[in-house]
Amino acid sequence: MGNLVRGNDGSIESPEISADFAVMSVKLLRAAILPIR
């Protein structure tokens, strides 16, 4: 997958926004995994 992600309106989001979304996803995953351990 490339750095660019298509938005809901079909436009291409900037890599910075994609990076921020990736960081949020990682934080959510960690928050979901920690209670299990």
Protein backbone atom coordinates (compact mmCIF):
# COMPACT_ATOMS: atom_id res chain seq x y z
CA MET A 1 0.00 0.00 0.00
CA GLY A 2 1.16 3.52 -0.74
CA ASN A 3 1.29 6.52 1.54
CA LEU A 4 -1.76 8.15 -0.05
CA VAL A 5 -5.24 7.23 1.14
CA ARG A 6 -8.42 8.12 -0.71
CA GLY A 7 -10.93 10.14 1.29
CA ASN A 8 -14.68 9.57 1.43
CA ASP A 9 -15.22 12.10 -1.37
CA GLY A 10 -12.67 10.37 -3.62
CA SER A 11 -9.96 12.96 -3.04
CA ILE A 12 -6.46 11.89 -1.98
CA GLU A 13 -5.60 12.67 1.63
CA SER A 14 -2.11 13.91 2.47
CA PRO A 15 0.40 11.38 3.87
CA GLU A 16 0.50 13.35 7.12
CA ILE A 17 -3.20 12.71 7.77
CA SER A 18 -2.68 9.03 6.97
CA ALA A 19 0.20 8.90 9.45
CA ASP A 20 -1.93 10.47 12.17
CA PHE A 21 -4.68 7.93 11.48
CA ALA A 22 -2.14 5.11 11.72
CA VAL A 23 -0.91 6.39 15.10
CA MET A 24 -4.50 6.56 16.37
CA SER A 25 -5.11 3.00 15.15
CA VAL A 26 -2.03 1.75 17.01
CA LYS A 27 -3.11 3.49 20.22
CA LEU A 28 -6.59 1.97 19.94
CA LEU A 29 -5.12 -1.49 19.35
CA ARG A 30 -2.82 -1.14 22.37
CA ALA A 31 -5.73 0.05 24.52
CA ALA A 32 -7.74 -3.01 23.43
CA ILE A 33 -4.87 -5.49 23.89
CA LEU A 34 -3.52 -4.33 27.27
CA PRO A 35 -6.64 -5.27 29.30
CA ILE A 36 -6.46 -8.82 27.87
CA ARG A 37 -2.95 -9.46 29.14
